[in-house]
Amino acid sequence: MNYTEGSRRLFLETGTRFPRDIIWAMGAIKLAAARANNRLGLLDGGMASAIEAAAREVMDGSRDPEIVVDVFQTGSGTGLNMNVNEVIARRASEILGSSVHPNDHVNMSQSSNDVVPTAIRAAAAKAAAARMLPALGVLAAALEELSSRTASVYKSGRTHLRDALPITMGQEFGAYAHEFSRDAAALESAISRVRELPLGGTAVGTGLNSPEGFADAAIEELSSISGIEFRASPNRFASMRLLTDLVDVSASLRSTALDLFRLSQDLRLMFSGPVTGLNEIDIPSQAEIAGSSIMPGKTNPVTVEACLQASAQVMGLDHAIQIAGMLGEFELSMGVPLAGYDIAMEMSVLSEALSKMASVVVGSIAPNEERTRRYAESSPSLITVISPVIGYERAAEVGKRLVKGLSIREALKELGFDDSAIDGLLDLRRLVRPGIPARDDR
């Protein structure tokens, strides 16, 4: 019985399999190791070529049905490493026409304890470059464009969900564009540490049974294979013992999920209605499917709500990664498979949510300008602005009329102000930027 078959009786069988990025990374590491071992004279050319060919099949997904170990296994990830070793050895033996051993040849100069921590970091770096950072860039750009498009759409600000001073819709969306750009910068910073790999540390970080020069050679090959600039960890003991760098990556993803959650909540409120809610925006894309099985014609913010759920999932996975980072003692983390899996899931779910938010929701938002302007001119907070101009007593009268549902424009007309005077008082352009309008009129 081989290791993989025997381990499945002892590991959990939840059906949770390692995602494509991690399997790709395992294949890439085995390919890089075979090249490095050949360069160092430890592995002959024919066997190295056979291992390379088999490892490429692991990288491209051809061998996925054979990677069968569960994520919930030994905490070092030895089950995954042994499974991949056996798959590559079996296939390389077929290619070479002679026996290739999973441990003696495929795992040469390596240990599960440095390979799998390397793989989950390489997978995270790949997913960040291929999916997460582009998705963040697309959403930030879409929000920036929406901010520009709605720069002159005036609306009531709200604090504590109560009427506040005017703001433009562009200022609101610009805040989110800025924040998602910062999220991208935070992720890039966190990923820079993850590109420091412990490969070459073998069992406990000392590098025993790994020849001098192997780590640098293998990481150089991995960088060439992946197109990502990896480098040897300045302290392999730290990178094998601790997953703090991956916890930091997850923290940046959690922050992005939080910002997406907040944006989604604001959009749901702005889209509420159309009659009994705010109805400040329309999102035509959300009408492409029925919003209700019983109420014909109802439109719901379905994509926005999907993004809310995705955000919740990412925040939950982040907490699991925090705990995974605490598992282990002395020379090795015992949360490696779970941390790797959860990081991959975070990036998969979050990048899809960001992309859909940008393309399906943000790109189709249409402001209801007449309604938003009426809200802006109805806010009782405007009394604060006009009080120094019309006097306290008359401002109090305006306030009483606003409570009865009049707009401030209507209330001022009842007090005898003509349209020209009202336009001067309610020049919203002056009320959404720094300055003291009452003093400016003097």
Protein backbone atom coordinates (compact mmCIF):
# COMPACT_ATOMS: atom_id res chain seq x y z
CA MET A 1 0.00 0.00 0.00
CA ASN A 2 1.40 3.42 -0.93
CA TYR A 3 1.34 6.44 1.36
CA THR A 4 -1.65 8.12 -0.30
CA GLU A 5 -3.92 5.08 -0.01
CA GLY A 6 -2.95 4.47 3.62
CA SER A 7 -3.30 8.09 4.65
CA ARG A 8 -6.90 8.41 3.47
CA ARG A 9 -7.97 6.05 6.26
CA LEU A 10 -6.36 8.31 8.86
CA PHE A 11 -7.00 11.79 7.48
CA LEU A 12 -10.48 13.27 7.47
CA GLU A 13 -12.60 12.55 4.40
CA THR A 14 -14.61 15.74 4.02
CA GLY A 15 -14.27 15.95 0.24
CA THR A 16 -12.29 19.19 0.65
CA ARG A 17 -9.54 19.05 -1.97
CA PHE A 18 -6.62 21.39 -2.50
CA PRO A 19 -7.40 24.18 -5.00
CA ARG A 20 -5.78 24.44 -8.40
CA ASP A 21 -3.25 27.14 -7.42
CA ILE A 22 -1.75 25.00 -4.66
CA ILE A 23 -1.54 21.90 -6.86
CA TRP A 24 0.07 24.06 -9.56
CA ALA A 25 2.58 25.32 -7.00
CA MET A 26 3.43 21.79 -5.87
CA GLY A 27 4.11 20.75 -9.46
CA ALA A 28 6.20 23.86 -10.08
CA ILE A 29 8.32 23.18 -6.99
CA LYS A 30 8.95 19.57 -8.02
CA LEU A 31 9.95 20.73 -11.50
CA ALA A 32 12.27 23.40 -10.07
CA ALA A 33 13.80 20.90 -7.63
CA ALA A 34 14.49 18.38 -10.40
CA ARG A 35 16.27 21.05 -12.44
CA ALA A 36 18.29 22.21 -9.42
CA ASN A 37 19.27 18.66 -8.48
CA ASN A 38 20.36 18.03 -12.07
CA ARG A 39 22.41 21.26 -12.13
CA LEU A 40 24.12 20.19 -8.90
CA GLY A 41 24.95 16.74 -10.30
CA LEU A 42 22.64 14.81 -7.99
CA LEU A 43 20.07 13.68 -10.56
CA ASP A 44 20.92 12.38 -14.03
CA GLY A 45 19.50 14.15 -17.06
CA GLY A 46 17.09 11.43 -18.15
CA MET A 47 15.45 11.08 -14.77
CA ALA A 48 15.35 14.84 -14.25
CA SER A 49 13.62 15.27 -17.62
CA ALA A 50 11.05 12.60 -16.81
CA ILE A 51 10.29 14.22 -13.45
CA GLU A 52 10.00 17.61 -15.16
CA ALA A 53 7.54 16.25 -17.72
CA ALA A 54 5.41 14.62 -15.03
CA ALA A 55 5.56 17.74 -12.86
CA ARG A 56 4.28 19.83 -15.78
CA GLU A 57 1.26 17.57 -15.99
CA VAL A 58 0.61 18.27 -12.31
CA MET A 59 0.97 21.99 -12.99
CA ASP A 60 -1.46 22.03 -15.90
CA GLY A 61 -4.16 20.04 -14.10
CA SER A 62 -3.85 16.75 -16.01
CA ARG A 63 -3.22 14.86 -12.76
CA ASP A 64 -5.79 16.58 -10.56
CA PRO A 65 -7.98 13.45 -10.19
CA GLU A 66 -4.98 11.72 -8.59
CA ILE A 67 -4.42 14.43 -5.94
CA VAL A 68 -6.94 12.96 -3.54
CA VAL A 69 -5.77 13.74 0.01
CA ASP A 70 -8.10 15.89 2.10
CA VAL A 71 -7.15 19.39 3.25
CA PHE A 72 -7.89 18.27 6.82
CA GLN A 73 -4.82 16.10 7.29
CA THR A 74 -1.49 16.20 9.06
CA GLY A 75 -0.72 19.80 9.95
CA SER A 76 2.57 19.97 8.03
CA GLY A 77 0.95 19.04 4.73
CA THR A 78 3.01 15.84 4.42
CA GLY A 79 -0.03 14.10 2.96
CA LEU A 80 -0.14 16.54 0.05
CA ASN A 81 3.61 16.31 -0.58
CA MET A 82 3.62 12.52 -0.53
CA ASN A 83 0.55 12.34 -2.77
CA VAL A 84 2.21 14.61 -5.34
CA ASN A 85 5.53 12.74 -5.05
CA GLU A 86 3.78 9.44 -5.77
CA VAL A 87 1.80 10.82 -8.71
CA ILE A 88 4.92 12.31 -10.30
CA ALA A 89 7.04 9.22 -9.62
CA ARG A 90 4.44 6.93 -11.19
CA ARG A 91 4.09 9.08 -14.29
CA ALA A 92 7.84 9.76 -14.58
CA SER A 93 8.48 6.00 -14.41
CA GLU A 94 6.13 5.55 -17.39
CA ILE A 95 7.92 8.30 -19.33
CA LEU A 96 11.43 7.07 -18.48
CA GLY A 97 10.70 3.36 -18.80
CA SER A 98 12.42 2.65 -15.48
CA SER A 99 11.65 3.15 -11.82
CA VAL A 100 11.51 6.67 -10.36
CA HIS A 101 11.14 6.71 -6.57
CA PRO A 102 8.79 9.27 -4.93
CA ASN A 103 11.14 9.97 -2.01
CA ASP A 104 14.62 9.21 -3.33
CA HIS A 105 14.18 11.08 -6.61
CA VAL A 106 11.08 13.33 -6.73
CA ASN A 107 11.58 14.52 -3.13
CA MET A 108 15.37 14.77 -3.41
CA SER A 109 16.88 17.63 -1.34
CA GLN A 110 13.42 18.43 0.05
CA SER A 111 11.10 17.73 2.97
CA SER A 112 7.35 18.17 3.30
CA ASN A 113 8.23 20.69 5.98
CA ASP A 114 9.80 23.13 3.53
CA VAL A 115 7.94 22.15 0.34
CA VAL A 116 4.33 22.68 1.44
CA PRO A 117 4.98 25.99 3.28
CA THR A 118 6.72 27.08 0.06
CA ALA A 119 3.79 25.90 -2.07
CA ILE A 120 1.10 27.77 -0.17
CA ARG A 121 3.14 30.97 -0.38
CA ALA A 122 3.81 30.53 -4.09
CA ALA A 123 0.10 29.86 -4.65
CA ALA A 124 -0.86 33.00 -2.73
CA ALA A 125 1.59 35.12 -4.73
CA LYS A 126 0.27 33.67 -8.01
CA ALA A 127 -3.38 34.27 -7.08
CA ALA A 128 -2.64 37.81 -5.95
CA ALA A 129 -0.91 38.67 -9.22
CA ALA A 130 -3.37 36.87 -11.50
CA ARG A 131 -6.69 37.69 -9.82
CA MET A 132 -6.78 39.78 -6.67
CA LEU A 133 -4.71 42.80 -7.66
CA PRO A 134 -6.29 43.09 -11.13
CA ALA A 135 -9.77 42.84 -9.57
CA LEU A 136 -8.95 45.57 -7.07
CA GLY A 137 -7.60 47.75 -9.85
CA VAL A 138 -10.72 47.26 -11.97
CA LEU A 139 -13.08 48.14 -9.11
CA ALA A 140 -11.05 51.20 -8.06
CA ALA A 141 -11.05 52.43 -11.67
CA ALA A 142 -14.79 51.81 -12.05
CA LEU A 143 -15.51 53.73 -8.86
CA GLU A 144 -13.23 56.57 -9.96
CA GLU A 145 -15.13 56.80 -13.25
CA LEU A 146 -18.46 56.73 -11.40
CA SER A 147 -17.18 59.41 -9.03
CA SER A 148 -16.31 61.62 -11.98
CA ARG A 149 -19.65 60.91 -13.65
CA THR A 150 -21.59 61.88 -10.51
CA ALA A 151 -19.40 64.80 -9.41
CA SER A 152 -22.26 67.28 -9.81
CA VAL A 153 -25.01 65.06 -8.40
CA TYR A 154 -25.92 66.76 -5.12
CA LYS A 155 -27.51 64.81 -2.30
CA SER A 156 -28.04 64.92 1.42
CA GLY A 157 -25.22 63.60 3.49
CA ARG A 158 -26.19 61.24 6.29
CA THR A 159 -24.58 60.58 9.65
CA HIS A 160 -26.12 58.04 12.03
CA LEU A 161 -28.61 57.47 9.17
CA ARG A 162 -29.94 60.97 9.90
CA ASP A 163 -29.97 63.98 7.57
CA ALA A 164 -26.69 65.89 7.45
CA LEU A 165 -25.05 68.55 5.32
CA PRO A 166 -24.99 68.19 1.52
CA ILE A 167 -22.44 66.11 -0.30
CA THR A 168 -22.02 65.01 -3.89
CA MET A 169 -22.50 61.43 -4.98
CA GLY A 170 -19.09 61.73 -6.62
CA GLN A 171 -17.50 62.49 -3.25
CA GLU A 172 -19.11 59.39 -1.76
CA PHE A 173 -17.93 57.06 -4.53
CA GLY A 174 -14.54 58.76 -4.66
CA ALA A 175 -13.99 57.75 -1.05
CA TYR A 176 -14.45 54.11 -1.97
CA ALA A 177 -12.21 54.41 -5.06
CA HIS A 178 -9.47 55.77 -2.79
CA GLU A 179 -9.94 53.01 -0.24
CA PHE A 180 -9.81 50.12 -2.71
CA SER A 181 -6.62 51.61 -4.18
CA ARG A 182 -5.16 51.58 -0.68
CA ASP A 183 -6.31 47.99 -0.25
CA ALA A 184 -4.33 47.06 -3.37
CA ALA A 185 -1.22 48.74 -1.99
CA ALA A 186 -1.63 46.91 1.34
CA LEU A 187 -1.97 43.55 -0.43
CA GLU A 188 1.11 44.21 -2.57
CA SER A 189 3.08 45.03 0.56
CA ALA A 190 1.94 41.86 2.34
CA ILE A 191 2.64 39.68 -0.70
CA SER A 192 6.22 40.97 -0.90
CA ARG A 193 6.99 39.06 2.32
CA VAL A 194 5.20 35.93 1.09
CA ARG A 195 7.58 35.75 -1.86
CA GLU A 196 10.34 34.86 0.63
CA LEU A 197 10.39 31.05 0.54
CA PRO A 198 11.71 28.47 3.03
CA LEU A 199 12.59 25.89 0.33
CA GLY A 200 15.93 24.32 1.20
CA GLY A 201 15.24 24.20 4.93
CA THR A 202 14.26 20.50 4.70
CA ALA A 203 12.98 19.05 7.99
CA VAL A 204 13.61 21.69 10.66
CA GLY A 205 15.18 24.65 8.85
CA THR A 206 18.83 23.56 9.00
CA GLY A 207 18.88 22.28 5.42
CA LEU A 208 20.25 18.83 6.31
CA ASN A 209 20.28 16.50 3.25
CA SER A 210 19.96 19.49 0.96
CA PRO A 211 23.26 20.32 -0.80
CA GLU A 212 24.79 23.75 -0.68
CA GLY A 213 23.36 25.88 -3.46
CA PHE A 214 20.14 23.88 -3.80
CA ALA A 215 17.83 26.51 -2.27
CA ASP A 216 19.10 29.33 -4.46
CA ALA A 217 19.07 27.16 -7.59
CA ALA A 218 15.57 25.77 -6.96
CA ILE A 219 14.09 29.19 -6.13
CA GLU A 220 15.73 30.69 -9.19
CA GLU A 221 14.14 27.96 -11.30
CA LEU A 222 10.77 28.46 -9.61
CA SER A 223 10.90 32.17 -10.38
CA SER A 224 11.64 31.39 -14.03
CA ILE A 225 8.84 28.81 -14.24
CA SER A 226 6.22 31.01 -12.57
CA GLY A 227 7.19 34.45 -13.83
CA ILE A 228 7.08 35.65 -10.21
CA GLU A 229 10.19 36.94 -8.46
CA PHE A 230 10.68 34.64 -5.48
CA ARG A 231 13.68 34.76 -3.17
CA ALA A 232 15.08 32.64 -0.39
CA SER A 233 13.77 33.48 3.05
CA PRO A 234 16.38 35.38 5.08
CA ASN A 235 15.47 33.05 7.95
CA ARG A 236 14.09 29.67 6.96
CA PHE A 237 13.51 28.74 10.59
CA ALA A 238 11.03 31.61 10.90
CA SER A 239 9.28 30.83 7.60
CA MET A 240 8.77 27.18 8.55
CA ARG A 241 7.81 27.80 12.16
CA LEU A 242 5.46 30.76 11.57
CA LEU A 243 2.77 31.69 9.08
CA THR A 244 2.61 35.32 10.14
CA ASP A 245 3.29 36.57 6.63
CA LEU A 246 0.24 34.68 5.36
CA VAL A 247 -1.82 35.95 8.28
CA ASP A 248 -0.84 39.45 7.15
CA VAL A 249 -2.01 38.69 3.61
CA SER A 250 -5.31 37.46 4.98
CA ALA A 251 -5.64 40.59 7.08
CA SER A 252 -5.32 42.73 3.96
CA LEU A 253 -7.99 40.60 2.27
CA ARG A 254 -10.21 40.98 5.33
CA SER A 255 -9.86 44.76 5.11
CA THR A 256 -10.83 44.64 1.44
CA ALA A 257 -13.85 42.50 2.32
CA LEU A 258 -14.83 45.02 4.98
CA ASP A 259 -14.65 47.88 2.45
CA LEU A 260 -16.69 45.86 -0.04
CA PHE A 261 -19.24 45.15 2.69
CA ARG A 262 -19.57 48.86 3.48
CA LEU A 263 -19.90 49.81 -0.19
CA SER A 264 -22.55 47.13 -0.66
CA GLN A 265 -24.55 48.35 2.35
CA ASP A 266 -24.52 51.92 1.03
CA LEU A 267 -25.59 50.77 -2.42
CA ARG A 268 -28.50 48.76 -1.02
CA LEU A 269 -29.74 51.80 0.88
CA MET A 270 -29.31 54.14 -2.09
CA PHE A 271 -31.15 51.61 -4.29
CA SER A 272 -33.96 51.04 -1.78
CA GLY A 273 -37.47 51.82 -2.93
CA PRO A 274 -38.46 52.75 -5.51
CA VAL A 275 -41.39 54.37 -3.72
CA THR A 276 -40.90 53.83 0.00
CA GLY A 277 -37.09 53.86 0.12
CA LEU A 278 -34.34 56.34 -0.73
CA ASN A 279 -34.35 55.59 -4.48
CA GLU A 280 -31.24 57.70 -5.04
CA ILE A 281 -29.83 55.41 -7.72
CA ASP A 282 -31.02 52.89 -10.23
CA ILE A 283 -28.98 49.77 -11.03
CA PRO A 284 -30.47 48.57 -14.34
CA SER A 285 -28.39 45.39 -14.41
CA GLN A 286 -30.19 44.11 -11.33
CA ALA A 287 -33.46 43.95 -13.32
CA GLU A 288 -32.10 41.25 -15.62
CA ILE A 289 -33.59 38.53 -13.41
CA ALA A 290 -36.81 38.44 -11.38
CA GLY A 291 -36.46 39.77 -7.87
CA SER A 292 -39.34 37.78 -6.47
CA SER A 293 -41.19 34.54 -7.16
CA ILE A 294 -44.48 36.10 -6.02
CA MET A 295 -44.25 39.86 -6.68
CA PRO A 296 -44.09 40.49 -10.45
CA GLY A 297 -41.77 43.25 -11.60
CA LYS A 298 -39.82 43.47 -8.33
CA THR A 299 -36.13 44.32 -8.69
CA ASN A 300 -33.63 43.39 -6.01
CA PRO A 301 -29.91 44.23 -5.62
CA VAL A 302 -28.96 40.60 -6.18
CA THR A 303 -25.30 41.10 -7.13
CA VAL A 304 -24.79 43.50 -4.25
CA GLU A 305 -26.21 40.97 -1.82
CA ALA A 306 -24.00 38.23 -3.26
CA CYS A 307 -21.01 40.51 -2.59
CA LEU A 308 -22.16 41.01 1.00
CA GLN A 309 -22.22 37.25 1.51
CA ALA A 310 -18.82 36.87 -0.15
CA SER A 311 -17.43 39.52 2.20
CA ALA A 312 -18.83 37.66 5.20
CA GLN A 313 -17.22 34.44 3.99
CA VAL A 314 -13.81 36.08 3.61
CA MET A 315 -13.99 37.57 7.11
CA GLY A 316 -14.80 34.12 8.49
CA LEU A 317 -11.94 32.49 6.59
CA ASP A 318 -9.61 35.18 7.91
CA HIS A 319 -10.45 34.19 11.46
CA ALA A 320 -9.70 30.55 10.64
CA ILE A 321 -6.32 31.63 9.22
CA GLN A 322 -5.53 33.52 12.42
CA ILE A 323 -6.12 30.32 14.40
CA ALA A 324 -4.20 28.22 11.87
CA GLY A 325 -1.27 30.58 12.34
CA MET A 326 -1.33 29.79 16.07
CA LEU A 327 -1.13 26.02 15.59
CA GLY A 328 2.20 24.30 16.15
CA GLU A 329 5.16 24.28 18.46
CA PHE A 330 8.90 24.73 18.08
CA GLU A 331 10.19 24.12 14.53
CA LEU A 332 7.00 23.81 12.49
CA SER A 333 3.55 25.25 12.03
CA MET A 334 0.71 22.73 12.23
CA GLY A 335 -1.76 24.89 10.30
CA VAL A 336 -0.10 24.79 6.89
CA PRO A 337 -2.76 22.97 4.80
CA LEU A 338 -5.66 24.93 6.28
CA ALA A 339 -3.95 28.31 5.94
CA GLY A 340 -3.03 27.58 2.34
CA TYR A 341 -6.52 26.41 1.45
CA ASP A 342 -8.26 29.33 3.17
CA ILE A 343 -6.01 31.96 1.58
CA ALA A 344 -6.74 30.45 -1.82
CA MET A 345 -10.48 30.46 -1.09
CA GLU A 346 -10.38 34.07 0.13
CA MET A 347 -8.73 35.22 -3.08
CA SER A 348 -11.06 33.18 -5.27
CA VAL A 349 -14.25 34.43 -3.62
CA LEU A 350 -13.12 38.02 -3.14
CA SER A 351 -11.67 38.55 -6.61
CA GLU A 352 -14.91 37.31 -8.15
CA ALA A 353 -16.96 39.61 -5.93
CA LEU A 354 -14.81 42.64 -6.73
CA SER A 355 -14.95 41.93 -10.45
CA LYS A 356 -18.73 41.49 -10.47
CA MET A 357 -19.21 44.61 -8.36
CA ALA A 358 -17.19 46.59 -10.90
CA SER A 359 -18.65 45.21 -14.12
CA VAL A 360 -22.25 44.41 -13.19
CA VAL A 361 -23.08 47.00 -10.52
CA VAL A 362 -20.83 50.07 -10.50
CA GLY A 363 -20.69 50.34 -14.26
CA SER A 364 -24.49 50.48 -14.57
CA ILE A 365 -25.38 52.83 -11.70
CA ALA A 366 -27.60 55.72 -12.77
CA PRO A 367 -28.25 58.52 -10.25
CA ASN A 368 -31.79 59.82 -9.76
CA GLU A 369 -30.64 63.43 -9.71
CA GLU A 370 -33.99 65.13 -9.17
CA ARG A 371 -34.66 63.03 -6.11
CA THR A 372 -31.17 63.42 -4.64
CA ARG A 373 -31.27 67.19 -5.10
CA ARG A 374 -34.64 67.36 -3.36
CA TYR A 375 -33.17 65.42 -0.45
CA ALA A 376 -30.21 67.81 -0.35
CA GLU A 377 -32.51 70.84 -0.27
CA SER A 378 -34.81 69.23 2.31
CA SER A 379 -32.18 68.46 4.90
CA PRO A 380 -32.82 70.34 8.16
CA SER A 381 -29.07 70.68 8.53
CA LEU A 382 -29.14 73.41 5.87
CA ILE A 383 -30.58 75.70 8.50
CA THR A 384 -27.06 75.80 9.92
CA VAL A 385 -25.84 77.33 6.67
CA ILE A 386 -28.57 79.92 6.12
CA SER A 387 -29.05 81.00 9.74
CA PRO A 388 -26.20 83.59 9.68
CA VAL A 389 -27.76 85.07 6.51
CA ILE A 390 -31.49 85.22 7.33
CA GLY A 391 -31.25 85.40 11.12
CA TYR A 392 -32.05 82.97 13.87
CA GLU A 393 -35.80 83.65 14.09
CA ARG A 394 -36.48 83.28 10.40
CA ALA A 395 -34.22 80.19 10.27
CA ALA A 396 -36.31 78.65 13.06
CA GLU A 397 -39.43 79.25 10.96
CA VAL A 398 -37.79 77.47 8.05
CA GLY A 399 -36.96 74.56 10.34
CA LYS A 400 -40.61 74.18 11.39
CA ARG A 401 -41.67 73.99 7.76
CA LEU A 402 -39.02 71.40 6.92
CA VAL A 403 -40.34 69.16 9.67
CA LYS A 404 -43.75 69.30 7.94
CA GLY A 405 -42.18 67.92 4.73
CA LEU A 406 -41.45 71.04 2.74
CA SER A 407 -38.13 71.45 0.98
CA ILE A 408 -35.99 74.34 2.15
CA ARG A 409 -36.65 76.03 -1.19
CA GLU A 410 -40.42 75.81 -0.63
CA ALA A 411 -40.08 77.01 2.96
CA LEU A 412 -38.05 80.04 1.92
CA LYS A 413 -40.63 80.91 -0.74
CA GLU A 414 -43.35 80.88 1.91
CA LEU A 415 -41.25 83.34 3.89
CA GLY A 416 -41.11 85.71 0.91
CA PHE A 417 -37.78 84.95 -0.72
CA ASP A 418 -37.76 85.06 -4.52
CA ASP A 419 -36.07 82.46 -6.75
CA SER A 420 -32.96 84.55 -7.25
CA ALA A 421 -32.40 84.98 -3.51
CA ILE A 422 -33.09 81.31 -2.86
CA ASP A 423 -30.64 80.27 -5.59
CA GLY A 424 -27.99 82.37 -3.87
CA LEU A 425 -28.69 80.81 -0.48
CA LEU A 426 -28.91 77.26 -1.81
CA ASP A 427 -25.94 77.21 -4.14
CA LEU A 428 -25.07 73.60 -3.43
CA ARG A 429 -21.74 73.93 -5.20
CA ARG A 430 -20.55 76.14 -2.34
CA LEU A 431 -21.90 73.80 0.30
CA VAL A 432 -19.93 70.72 -0.71
CA ARG A 433 -16.45 72.24 -0.41
CA PRO A 434 -14.42 74.00 2.29
CA GLY A 435 -15.43 77.50 3.20
CA ILE A 436 -17.92 79.56 5.22
CA PRO A 437 -20.69 80.61 2.78
CA ALA A 438 -22.29 83.08 5.21
CA ARG A 439 -19.02 85.01 5.52
CA ASP A 440 -18.33 84.79 1.82
CA ASP A 441 -21.52 86.78 1.16
CA ARG A 442 -20.51 89.66 3.34
